[in-house]
């Protein structure tokens, strides 16, 4: 029977240093075993809690300079957004502060006023507004728009306030993209793929569709809400995600009501958006012309 590794109870509640491990009776060699995960220089956590992003961030925060803060995607996750917080961990360090590079940590240096840093879930993070601004300028355009749409939809920030914030920072790195993202942003967008589909159409030169529109028949009776809509052509566009497979009957009845009320409908999936974007654009363009 294999010998079970020794797990000191004192080391199972959170991050600890090498010195903590030595005091608990472990050797440096034992720390290299599968029971422990290294989360920073000289900092470890028990594997049983290592997959908890918040525990990992709390561990890393102990090694950050006093005025640094988690930012961008990591801060977005801390504020409740559905973003990946630890691949990598995003950290902003004020200008003039030194920090050593750490594996799995993306370090940015910049102006970081104290009013733009908050305590969130027991760690320092950029404020919601600064976080949305950083997301808009640092991520690739498509993912930046997905993130900002998400922040707007969960009311982490408001679009007009974000627009004012961007306008108030005219000399900031990434400003051109931030302005573009704000101009394209849509608080009503309800999913990342809906945002990606809308952006695909706009970047192809098609008119910007309205988002999350409730449609009615000629008597004013509600017949359905659609993801994207071109009112002049009575053209509705839907993104069919994984939940569509679980609600085919309901979706079909809604589609029949839309057809019966004189609307046209195009449906697309993630495969269409990612693998055949030209086909998506061509079909929408043809429908708009017909």
C-alpha atoms as a PDB file:
ATOM      1  CA  UNK A   1       0.000   0.000   0.000  1.00  0.00           C
ATOM      2  CA  UNK A   2       1.472   3.398  -0.973  1.00  0.00           C
ATOM      3  CA  UNK A   3       2.365   5.725   1.873  1.00  0.00           C
ATOM      4  CA  UNK A   4      -0.043   8.656   2.110  1.00  0.00           C
ATOM      5  CA  UNK A   5       1.692  12.052   2.055  1.00  0.00           C
ATOM      6  CA  UNK A   6       1.669  13.961   5.298  1.00  0.00           C
ATOM      7  CA  UNK A   7      -0.676  16.974   5.221  1.00  0.00           C
ATOM      8  CA  UNK A   8      -0.245  19.233   8.281  1.00  0.00           C
ATOM      9  CA  UNK A   9      -3.670  20.560   9.207  1.00  0.00           C
ATOM     10  CA  UNK A  10      -2.270  24.063   9.803  1.00  0.00           C
ATOM     11  CA  UNK A  11      -1.351  24.316   6.107  1.00  0.00           C
ATOM     12  CA  UNK A  12      -4.774  23.425   4.691  1.00  0.00           C
ATOM     13  CA  UNK A  13      -6.563  26.728   5.348  1.00  0.00           C
ATOM     14  CA  UNK A  14      -4.793  29.094   2.976  1.00  0.00           C
ATOM     15  CA  UNK A  15      -1.487  30.169   1.457  1.00  0.00           C
ATOM     16  CA  UNK A  16       1.738  29.621   3.379  1.00  0.00           C
ATOM     17  CA  UNK A  17       5.445  30.316   3.004  1.00  0.00           C
ATOM     18  CA  UNK A  18       8.356  27.891   2.924  1.00  0.00           C
ATOM     19  CA  UNK A  19       9.144  28.937   6.477  1.00  0.00           C
ATOM     20  CA  UNK A  20       5.576  28.028   7.513  1.00  0.00           C
ATOM     21  CA  UNK A  21       5.990  24.618   5.906  1.00  0.00           C
ATOM     22  CA  UNK A  22       9.294  23.960   7.646  1.00  0.00           C
ATOM     23  CA  UNK A  23       7.775  24.890  11.006  1.00  0.00           C
ATOM     24  CA  UNK A  24       4.918  22.459  10.325  1.00  0.00           C
ATOM     25  CA  UNK A  25       7.399  19.643   9.782  1.00  0.00           C
ATOM     26  CA  UNK A  26       7.579  19.470   5.988  1.00  0.00           C
ATOM     27  CA  UNK A  27      10.816  19.499   4.031  1.00  0.00           C
ATOM     28  CA  UNK A  28      11.519  21.507   0.895  1.00  0.00           C
ATOM     29  CA  UNK A  29      11.524  18.218  -1.020  1.00  0.00           C
ATOM     30  CA  UNK A  30       8.054  17.342   0.230  1.00  0.00           C
ATOM     31  CA  UNK A  31       6.751  20.695  -1.033  1.00  0.00           C
ATOM     32  CA  UNK A  32       7.521  19.500  -4.574  1.00  0.00           C
ATOM     33  CA  UNK A  33       4.981  16.676  -4.228  1.00  0.00           C
ATOM     34  CA  UNK A  34       1.467  16.532  -5.692  1.00  0.00           C
ATOM     35  CA  UNK A  35      -0.119  17.627  -2.432  1.00  0.00           C
ATOM     36  CA  UNK A  36       1.100  21.215  -2.836  1.00  0.00           C
ATOM     37  CA  UNK A  37       0.888  23.906  -5.497  1.00  0.00           C
ATOM     38  CA  UNK A  38       3.325  26.773  -5.900  1.00  0.00           C
ATOM     39  CA  UNK A  39       1.417  30.030  -6.457  1.00  0.00           C
ATOM     40  CA  UNK A  40       4.259  32.515  -6.172  1.00  0.00           C
ATOM     41  CA  UNK A  41       7.893  32.886  -5.238  1.00  0.00           C
ATOM     42  CA  UNK A  42       8.231  30.999  -1.961  1.00  0.00           C
ATOM     43  CA  UNK A  43       4.443  30.736  -1.585  1.00  0.00           C
ATOM     44  CA  UNK A  44       2.354  27.535  -1.656  1.00  0.00           C
ATOM     45  CA  UNK A  45      -1.165  26.234  -1.099  1.00  0.00           C
ATOM     46  CA  UNK A  46      -2.544  22.801  -0.397  1.00  0.00           C
ATOM     47  CA  UNK A  47      -3.743  21.117  -3.606  1.00  0.00           C
ATOM     48  CA  UNK A  48      -7.162  20.666  -2.019  1.00  0.00           C
ATOM     49  CA  UNK A  49      -7.830  24.401  -2.262  1.00  0.00           C
ATOM     50  CA  UNK A  50      -5.484  25.316  -5.122  1.00  0.00           C
ATOM     51  CA  UNK A  51      -8.293  25.226  -7.684  1.00  0.00           C
ATOM     52  CA  UNK A  52     -10.159  27.973  -5.818  1.00  0.00           C
ATOM     53  CA  UNK A  53      -9.233  31.167  -7.723  1.00  0.00           C
ATOM     54  CA  UNK A  54      -9.965  33.396  -4.754  1.00  0.00           C
ATOM     55  CA  UNK A  55      -7.550  31.456  -2.540  1.00  0.00           C
ATOM     56  CA  UNK A  56      -4.888  31.726  -5.239  1.00  0.00           C
ATOM     57  CA  UNK A  57      -5.417  35.478  -5.536  1.00  0.00           C
ATOM     58  CA  UNK A  58      -5.300  35.905  -1.779  1.00  0.00           C
ATOM     59  CA  UNK A  59      -2.017  34.031  -1.786  1.00  0.00           C
ATOM     60  CA  UNK A  60      -0.541  36.185  -4.540  1.00  0.00           C
ATOM     61  CA  UNK A  61      -1.752  39.404  -2.925  1.00  0.00           C
ATOM     62  CA  UNK A  62       0.616  38.768  -0.034  1.00  0.00           C
ATOM     63  CA  UNK A  63       3.541  39.088  -2.429  1.00  0.00           C
ATOM     64  CA  UNK A  64       2.432  42.203  -4.314  1.00  0.00           C
ATOM     65  CA  UNK A  65       3.814  45.692  -3.627  1.00  0.00           C
ATOM     66  CA  UNK A  66       1.645  47.674  -1.167  1.00  0.00           C
ATOM     67  CA  UNK A  67       0.050  49.882  -3.846  1.00  0.00           C
ATOM     68  CA  UNK A  68      -0.480  47.240  -6.544  1.00  0.00           C
ATOM     69  CA  UNK A  69      -3.923  45.876  -7.404  1.00  0.00           C
ATOM     70  CA  UNK A  70      -5.487  43.070  -9.384  1.00  0.00           C
ATOM     71  CA  UNK A  71      -6.831  44.477 -12.630  1.00  0.00           C
ATOM     72  CA  UNK A  72      -8.352  43.765 -16.053  1.00  0.00           C
ATOM     73  CA  UNK A  73      -9.785  40.188 -16.284  1.00  0.00           C
ATOM     74  CA  UNK A  74      -8.815  39.292 -12.735  1.00  0.00           C
ATOM     75  CA  UNK A  75     -10.504  42.384 -11.319  1.00  0.00           C
ATOM     76  CA  UNK A  76     -13.519  41.740 -13.543  1.00  0.00           C
ATOM     77  CA  UNK A  77     -13.893  38.268 -12.034  1.00  0.00           C
ATOM     78  CA  UNK A  78     -13.552  39.686  -8.536  1.00  0.00           C
ATOM     79  CA  UNK A  79     -16.367  42.136  -9.355  1.00  0.00           C
ATOM     80  CA  UNK A  80     -18.654  39.307 -10.507  1.00  0.00           C
ATOM     81  CA  UNK A  81     -17.970  39.037 -14.237  1.00  0.00           C
ATOM     82  CA  UNK A  82     -17.730  35.675 -15.987  1.00  0.00           C
ATOM     83  CA  UNK A  83     -14.049  36.010 -16.911  1.00  0.00           C
ATOM     84  CA  UNK A  84     -11.018  33.795 -16.373  1.00  0.00           C
ATOM     85  CA  UNK A  85      -9.190  35.273 -13.352  1.00  0.00           C
ATOM     86  CA  UNK A  86      -5.960  33.287 -13.296  1.00  0.00           C
ATOM     87  CA  UNK A  87      -4.797  32.588 -16.845  1.00  0.00           C
ATOM     88  CA  UNK A  88      -2.925  34.801 -16.369  1.00  0.00           C
ATOM     89  CA  UNK A  89      -3.493  36.815 -13.216  1.00  0.00           C
ATOM     90  CA  UNK A  90      -3.633  40.502 -14.214  1.00  0.00           C
ATOM     91  CA  UNK A  91      -1.878  42.946 -11.890  1.00  0.00           C
ATOM     92  CA  UNK A  92      -1.326  46.691 -12.240  1.00  0.00           C
ATOM     93  CA  UNK A  93       1.616  48.240 -10.410  1.00  0.00           C
ATOM     94  CA  UNK A  94       1.907  52.025  -9.986  1.00  0.00           C
ATOM     95  CA  UNK A  95       4.705  53.757 -11.820  1.00  0.00           C
ATOM     96  CA  UNK A  96       7.898  53.835  -9.780  1.00  0.00           C
ATOM     97  CA  UNK A  97       7.086  50.651  -7.846  1.00  0.00           C
ATOM     98  CA  UNK A  98       9.279  47.612  -8.409  1.00  0.00           C
ATOM     99  CA  UNK A  99       8.038  44.048  -8.703  1.00  0.00           C
ATOM    100  CA  UNK A 100       9.672  40.830  -9.826  1.00  0.00           C
ATOM    101  CA  UNK A 101       8.137  38.866 -12.684  1.00  0.00           C
ATOM    102  CA  UNK A 102       6.121  35.870 -11.536  1.00  0.00           C
ATOM    103  CA  UNK A 103       4.985  32.850 -13.495  1.00  0.00           C
ATOM    104  CA  UNK A 104       1.329  33.102 -14.444  1.00  0.00           C
ATOM    105  CA  UNK A 105       1.112  36.830 -13.645  1.00  0.00           C
ATOM    106  CA  UNK A 106       0.729  39.564 -16.293  1.00  0.00           C
ATOM    107  CA  UNK A 107       2.153  42.766 -14.847  1.00  0.00           C
ATOM    108  CA  UNK A 108       1.291  46.209 -16.192  1.00  0.00           C
ATOM    109  CA  UNK A 109       2.724  49.460 -14.926  1.00  0.00           C
ATOM    110  CA  UNK A 110       0.725  52.644 -15.031  1.00  0.00           C
ATOM    111  CA  UNK A 111      -0.917  55.459 -13.145  1.00  0.00           C
ATOM    112  CA  UNK A 112      -3.097  53.962 -10.408  1.00  0.00           C
ATOM    113  CA  UNK A 113      -4.810  56.633  -8.278  1.00  0.00           C
ATOM    114  CA  UNK A 114      -6.006  55.497  -4.868  1.00  0.00           C
ATOM    115  CA  UNK A 115      -9.616  56.382  -5.813  1.00  0.00           C
ATOM    116  CA  UNK A 116      -9.431  53.739  -8.545  1.00  0.00           C
ATOM    117  CA  UNK A 117      -8.530  50.921  -6.148  1.00  0.00           C
ATOM    118  CA  UNK A 118     -11.060  49.145  -3.929  1.00  0.00           C
ATOM    119  CA  UNK A 119     -11.012  46.211  -1.548  1.00  0.00           C
ATOM    120  CA  UNK A 120     -12.970  43.400  -3.131  1.00  0.00           C
ATOM    121  CA  UNK A 121     -13.290  39.947  -1.587  1.00  0.00           C
ATOM    122  CA  UNK A 122     -10.401  40.707   0.785  1.00  0.00           C
ATOM    123  CA  UNK A 123      -7.906  41.717  -1.920  1.00  0.00           C
ATOM    124  CA  UNK A 124      -7.057  44.972  -3.676  1.00  0.00           C
ATOM    125  CA  UNK A 125      -8.614  45.390  -7.121  1.00  0.00           C
ATOM    126  CA  UNK A 126      -9.149  48.209  -9.570  1.00  0.00           C
ATOM    127  CA  UNK A 127     -12.526  49.917  -9.252  1.00  0.00           C
ATOM    128  CA  UNK A 128     -15.384  48.782 -11.521  1.00  0.00           C
ATOM    129  CA  UNK A 129     -14.941  51.817 -13.792  1.00  0.00           C
ATOM    130  CA  UNK A 130     -11.159  51.434 -14.077  1.00  0.00           C
ATOM    131  CA  UNK A 131     -11.625  47.707 -14.650  1.00  0.00           C
ATOM    132  CA  UNK A 132     -14.078  48.264 -17.520  1.00  0.00           C
ATOM    133  CA  UNK A 133     -11.707  50.853 -19.021  1.00  0.00           C
ATOM    134  CA  UNK A 134      -8.736  48.481 -18.823  1.00  0.00           C
ATOM    135  CA  UNK A 135     -10.759  45.670 -20.384  1.00  0.00           C
ATOM    136  CA  UNK A 136     -11.775  47.949 -23.252  1.00  0.00           C
ATOM    137  CA  UNK A 137      -8.198  48.896 -24.124  1.00  0.00           C
ATOM    138  CA  UNK A 138      -6.017  45.903 -23.267  1.00  0.00           C
ATOM    139  CA  UNK A 139      -7.931  42.894 -24.640  1.00  0.00           C
ATOM    140  CA  UNK A 140      -8.276  42.143 -28.369  1.00  0.00           C
ATOM    141  CA  UNK A 141     -11.211  44.058 -29.841  1.00  0.00           C
ATOM    142  CA  UNK A 142     -13.704  41.196 -29.869  1.00  0.00           C
ATOM    143  CA  UNK A 143     -12.960  40.040 -26.330  1.00  0.00           C
ATOM    144  CA  UNK A 144     -12.833  43.650 -25.120  1.00  0.00           C
ATOM    145  CA  UNK A 145     -16.346  44.234 -26.441  1.00  0.00           C
ATOM    146  CA  UNK A 146     -17.574  40.962 -24.917  1.00  0.00           C
ATOM    147  CA  UNK A 147     -16.180  42.007 -21.532  1.00  0.00           C
ATOM    148  CA  UNK A 148     -17.570  45.552 -21.652  1.00  0.00           C
ATOM    149  CA  UNK A 149     -20.994  44.332 -22.800  1.00  0.00           C
ATOM    150  CA  UNK A 150     -20.950  41.968 -19.827  1.00  0.00           C
ATOM    151  CA  UNK A 151     -19.980  44.730 -17.396  1.00  0.00           C
ATOM    152  CA  UNK A 152     -22.788  46.909 -18.738  1.00  0.00           C
ATOM    153  CA  UNK A 153     -25.367  44.122 -18.675  1.00  0.00           C
ATOM    154  CA  UNK A 154     -24.763  43.248 -15.025  1.00  0.00           C
ATOM    155  CA  UNK A 155     -24.763  47.005 -14.274  1.00  0.00           C
ATOM    156  CA  UNK A 156     -21.215  47.018 -12.975  1.00  0.00           C
ATOM    157  CA  UNK A 157     -20.881  50.322 -14.845  1.00  0.00           C
ATOM    158  CA  UNK A 158     -23.177  52.471 -16.975  1.00  0.00           C
ATOM    159  CA  UNK A 159     -22.416  53.212 -20.607  1.00  0.00           C
ATOM    160  CA  UNK A 160     -22.681  56.983 -20.330  1.00  0.00           C
ATOM    161  CA  UNK A 161     -20.391  57.030 -17.302  1.00  0.00           C
ATOM    162  CA  UNK A 162     -17.856  54.812 -19.069  1.00  0.00           C
ATOM    163  CA  UNK A 163     -17.992  57.071 -22.111  1.00  0.00           C
ATOM    164  CA  UNK A 164     -17.309  60.095 -19.904  1.00  0.00           C
ATOM    165  CA  UNK A 165     -14.421  58.288 -18.229  1.00  0.00           C
ATOM    166  CA  UNK A 166     -12.813  57.407 -21.558  1.00  0.00           C
ATOM    167  CA  UNK A 167     -13.192  61.007 -22.741  1.00  0.00           C
ATOM    168  CA  UNK A 168     -11.500  62.226 -19.550  1.00  0.00           C
ATOM    169  CA  UNK A 169      -8.341  60.199 -20.267  1.00  0.00           C
ATOM    170  CA  UNK A 170      -7.221  61.480 -23.704  1.00  0.00           C
ATOM    171  CA  UNK A 171      -3.546  60.512 -23.371  1.00  0.00           C
ATOM    172  CA  UNK A 172      -3.958  56.992 -22.068  1.00  0.00           C
ATOM    173  CA  UNK A 173      -2.479  53.957 -23.788  1.00  0.00           C
ATOM    174  CA  UNK A 174      -5.061  52.072 -25.834  1.00  0.00           C
ATOM    175  CA  UNK A 175      -7.453  55.021 -25.990  1.00  0.00           C
ATOM    176  CA  UNK A 176      -8.350  54.535 -29.663  1.00  0.00           C
ATOM    177  CA  UNK A 177      -9.637  51.019 -29.049  1.00  0.00           C
ATOM    178  CA  UNK A 178     -11.379  52.044 -25.830  1.00  0.00           C
ATOM    179  CA  UNK A 179     -13.320  54.674 -27.780  1.00  0.00           C
ATOM    180  CA  UNK A 180     -14.215  52.113 -30.416  1.00  0.00           C
ATOM    181  CA  UNK A 181     -15.400  49.600 -27.839  1.00  0.00           C
ATOM    182  CA  UNK A 182     -17.574  52.198 -26.105  1.00  0.00           C
ATOM    183  CA  UNK A 183     -19.108  53.165 -29.443  1.00  0.00           C
ATOM    184  CA  UNK A 184     -19.921  49.512 -30.185  1.00  0.00           C
ATOM    185  CA  UNK A 185     -21.009  48.519 -26.673  1.00  0.00           C
ATOM    186  CA  UNK A 186     -24.535  47.255 -26.013  1.00  0.00           C
ATOM    187  CA  UNK A 187     -25.893  46.951 -22.444  1.00  0.00           C
ATOM    188  CA  UNK A 188     -28.783  44.766 -23.629  1.00  0.00           C
ATOM    189  CA  UNK A 189     -26.498  42.037 -24.977  1.00  0.00           C
ATOM    190  CA  UNK A 190     -27.126  38.853 -22.998  1.00  0.00           C
ATOM    191  CA  UNK A 191     -24.275  36.551 -24.009  1.00  0.00           C
ATOM    192  CA  UNK A 192     -20.705  36.651 -25.314  1.00  0.00           C
ATOM    193  CA  UNK A 193     -21.676  34.901 -28.553  1.00  0.00           C
ATOM    194  CA  UNK A 194     -24.480  37.365 -29.161  1.00  0.00           C
ATOM    195  CA  UNK A 195     -21.893  40.135 -28.856  1.00  0.00           C
ATOM    196  CA  UNK A 196     -19.509  38.337 -31.216  1.00  0.00           C
ATOM    197  CA  UNK A 197     -22.260  37.843 -33.792  1.00  0.00           C
ATOM    198  CA  UNK A 198     -23.239  41.528 -33.624  1.00  0.00           C
ATOM    199  CA  UNK A 199     -19.601  42.606 -33.973  1.00  0.00           C
ATOM    200  CA  UNK A 200     -19.094  40.276 -36.947  1.00  0.00           C
ATOM    201  CA  UNK A 201     -21.932  41.976 -38.808  1.00  0.00           C
ATOM    202  CA  UNK A 202     -20.805  45.509 -37.949  1.00  0.00           C
ATOM    203  CA  UNK A 203     -17.165  44.917 -38.885  1.00  0.00           C
ATOM    204  CA  UNK A 204     -18.362  43.517 -42.224  1.00  0.00           C
ATOM    205  CA  UNK A 205     -19.934  46.886 -42.976  1.00  0.00           C
ATOM    206  CA  UNK A 206     -23.546  45.913 -42.308  1.00  0.00           C
ATOM    207  CA  UNK A 207     -25.834  48.224 -40.330  1.00  0.00           C
ATOM    208  CA  UNK A 208     -25.781  47.760 -36.586  1.00  0.00           C
ATOM    209  CA  UNK A 209     -28.790  45.694 -35.504  1.00  0.00           C
ATOM    210  CA  UNK A 210     -30.861  46.441 -32.432  1.00  0.00           C
ATOM    211  CA  UNK A 211     -30.378  44.026 -29.532  1.00  0.00           C
ATOM    212  CA  UNK A 212     -32.905  42.056 -27.488  1.00  0.00           C
ATOM    213  CA  UNK A 213     -36.038  43.379 -29.179  1.00  0.00           C
ATOM    214  CA  UNK A 214     -39.568  42.316 -28.293  1.00  0.00           C
ATOM    215  CA  UNK A 215     -41.739  41.819 -31.391  1.00  0.00           C
ATOM    216  CA  UNK A 216     -45.534  41.930 -31.729  1.00  0.00           C
ATOM    217  CA  UNK A 217     -48.094  40.960 -34.355  1.00  0.00           C
ATOM    218  CA  UNK A 218     -50.359  43.416 -36.157  1.00  0.00           C
ATOM    219  CA  UNK A 219     -52.778  43.360 -33.209  1.00  0.00           C
ATOM    220  CA  UNK A 220     -50.049  44.274 -30.749  1.00  0.00           C
ATOM    221  CA  UNK A 221     -49.801  40.819 -29.228  1.00  0.00           C
ATOM    222  CA  UNK A 222     -46.295  39.824 -28.121  1.00  0.00           C
ATOM    223  CA  UNK A 223     -44.886  37.022 -30.283  1.00  0.00           C
ATOM    224  CA  UNK A 224     -41.278  36.799 -29.130  1.00  0.00           C
ATOM    225  CA  UNK A 225     -38.036  38.501 -28.226  1.00  0.00           C
ATOM    226  CA  UNK A 226     -35.087  38.159 -30.583  1.00  0.00           C
ATOM    227  CA  UNK A 227     -31.348  38.620 -30.070  1.00  0.00           C
ATOM    228  CA  UNK A 228     -30.769  41.011 -32.989  1.00  0.00           C
ATOM    229  CA  UNK A 229     -33.230  42.847 -35.217  1.00  0.00           C
ATOM    230  CA  UNK A 230     -33.330  45.021 -38.328  1.00  0.00           C
ATOM    231  CA  UNK A 231     -36.693  46.821 -38.136  1.00  0.00           C
ATOM    232  CA  UNK A 232     -36.679  48.223 -41.675  1.00  0.00           C
ATOM    233  CA  UNK A 233     -36.463  44.727 -43.167  1.00  0.00           C
ATOM    234  CA  UNK A 234     -38.385  42.955 -40.368  1.00  0.00           C
ATOM    235  CA  UNK A 235     -35.368  40.671 -40.105  1.00  0.00           C
ATOM    236  CA  UNK A 236     -34.668  38.889 -36.821  1.00  0.00           C
ATOM    237  CA  UNK A 237     -31.369  37.137 -36.082  1.00  0.00           C
ATOM    238  CA  UNK A 238     -30.876  34.568 -33.362  1.00  0.00           C
ATOM    239  CA  UNK A 239     -27.797  32.956 -31.843  1.00  0.00           C
ATOM    240  CA  UNK A 240     -28.530  29.331 -30.933  1.00  0.00           C
ATOM    241  CA  UNK A 241     -26.361  28.302 -28.001  1.00  0.00           C
ATOM    242  CA  UNK A 242     -26.211  25.086 -26.037  1.00  0.00           C
ATOM    243  CA  UNK A 243     -29.543  25.802 -24.345  1.00  0.00           C
ATOM    244  CA  UNK A 244     -31.298  25.664 -27.719  1.00  0.00           C
ATOM    245  CA  UNK A 245     -30.959  21.864 -27.710  1.00  0.00           C
ATOM    246  CA  UNK A 246     -32.933  21.755 -24.467  1.00  0.00           C
ATOM    247  CA  UNK A 247     -35.730  24.037 -25.701  1.00  0.00           C
ATOM    248  CA  UNK A 248     -36.258  23.057 -29.336  1.00  0.00           C
ATOM    249  CA  UNK A 249     -40.039  22.760 -29.015  1.00  0.00           C
ATOM    250  CA  UNK A 250     -40.402  26.158 -27.330  1.00  0.00           C
ATOM    251  CA  UNK A 251     -38.064  27.799 -29.852  1.00  0.00           C
ATOM    252  CA  UNK A 252     -39.933  26.245 -32.765  1.00  0.00           C
ATOM    253  CA  UNK A 253     -43.276  27.533 -31.509  1.00  0.00           C
ATOM    254  CA  UNK A 254     -41.810  31.004 -31.088  1.00  0.00           C
ATOM    255  CA  UNK A 255     -40.318  30.832 -34.582  1.00  0.00           C
ATOM    256  CA  UNK A 256     -43.705  29.871 -36.015  1.00  0.00           C
ATOM    257  CA  UNK A 257     -45.315  32.844 -34.261  1.00  0.00           C
ATOM    258  CA  UNK A 258     -42.691  35.178 -35.730  1.00  0.00           C
ATOM    259  CA  UNK A 259     -43.242  33.798 -39.235  1.00  0.00           C
ATOM    260  CA  UNK A 260     -46.995  34.072 -38.791  1.00  0.00           C
ATOM    261  CA  UNK A 261     -46.651  37.727 -37.813  1.00  0.00           C
ATOM    262  CA  UNK A 262     -44.668  38.500 -40.968  1.00  0.00           C
ATOM    263  CA  UNK A 263     -41.119  38.499 -39.595  1.00  0.00           C
ATOM    264  CA  UNK A 264     -38.133  36.813 -41.182  1.00  0.00           C
ATOM    265  CA  UNK A 265     -35.627  34.906 -39.087  1.00  0.00           C
ATOM    266  CA  UNK A 266     -32.020  33.748 -39.482  1.00  0.00           C
ATOM    267  CA  UNK A 267     -30.412  31.448 -36.912  1.00  0.00           C
ATOM    268  CA  UNK A 268     -26.685  30.918 -36.331  1.00  0.00           C
ATOM    269  CA  UNK A 269     -24.507  28.826 -34.023  1.00  0.00           C
ATOM    270  CA  UNK A 270     -20.997  29.186 -32.633  1.00  0.00           C
ATOM    271  CA  UNK A 271     -19.732  26.970 -35.469  1.00  0.00           C
ATOM    272  CA  UNK A 272     -21.177  29.440 -37.970  1.00  0.00           C
ATOM    273  CA  UNK A 273     -19.624  32.466 -36.258  1.00  0.00           C
ATOM    274  CA  UNK A 274     -16.187  30.925 -35.736  1.00  0.00           C
ATOM    275  CA  UNK A 275     -15.802  28.657 -38.764  1.00  0.00           C
ATOM    276  CA  UNK A 276     -17.935  30.311 -41.476  1.00  0.00           C
ATOM    277  CA  UNK A 277     -18.117  34.041 -40.715  1.00  0.00           C
ATOM    278  CA  UNK A 278     -18.191  34.940 -44.432  1.00  0.00           C
ATOM    279  CA  UNK A 279     -21.270  32.764 -44.901  1.00  0.00           C
ATOM    280  CA  UNK A 280     -23.009  34.419 -41.946  1.00  0.00           C
ATOM    281  CA  UNK A 281     -22.319  37.879 -43.341  1.00  0.00           C
ATOM    282  CA  UNK A 282     -23.395  36.879 -46.864  1.00  0.00           C
ATOM    283  CA  UNK A 283     -26.690  35.452 -45.639  1.00  0.00           C
ATOM    284  CA  UNK A 284     -27.520  38.509 -43.556  1.00  0.00           C
ATOM    285  CA  UNK A 285     -26.513  40.866 -46.375  1.00  0.00           C
ATOM    286  CA  UNK A 286     -28.704  38.964 -48.844  1.00  0.00           C
ATOM    287  CA  UNK A 287     -31.641  39.043 -46.430  1.00  0.00           C
ATOM    288  CA  UNK A 288     -31.254  42.790 -45.928  1.00  0.00           C
ATOM    289  CA  UNK A 289     -31.267  43.369 -49.706  1.00  0.00           C
ATOM    290  CA  UNK A 290     -34.202  41.108 -50.497  1.00  0.00           C
END
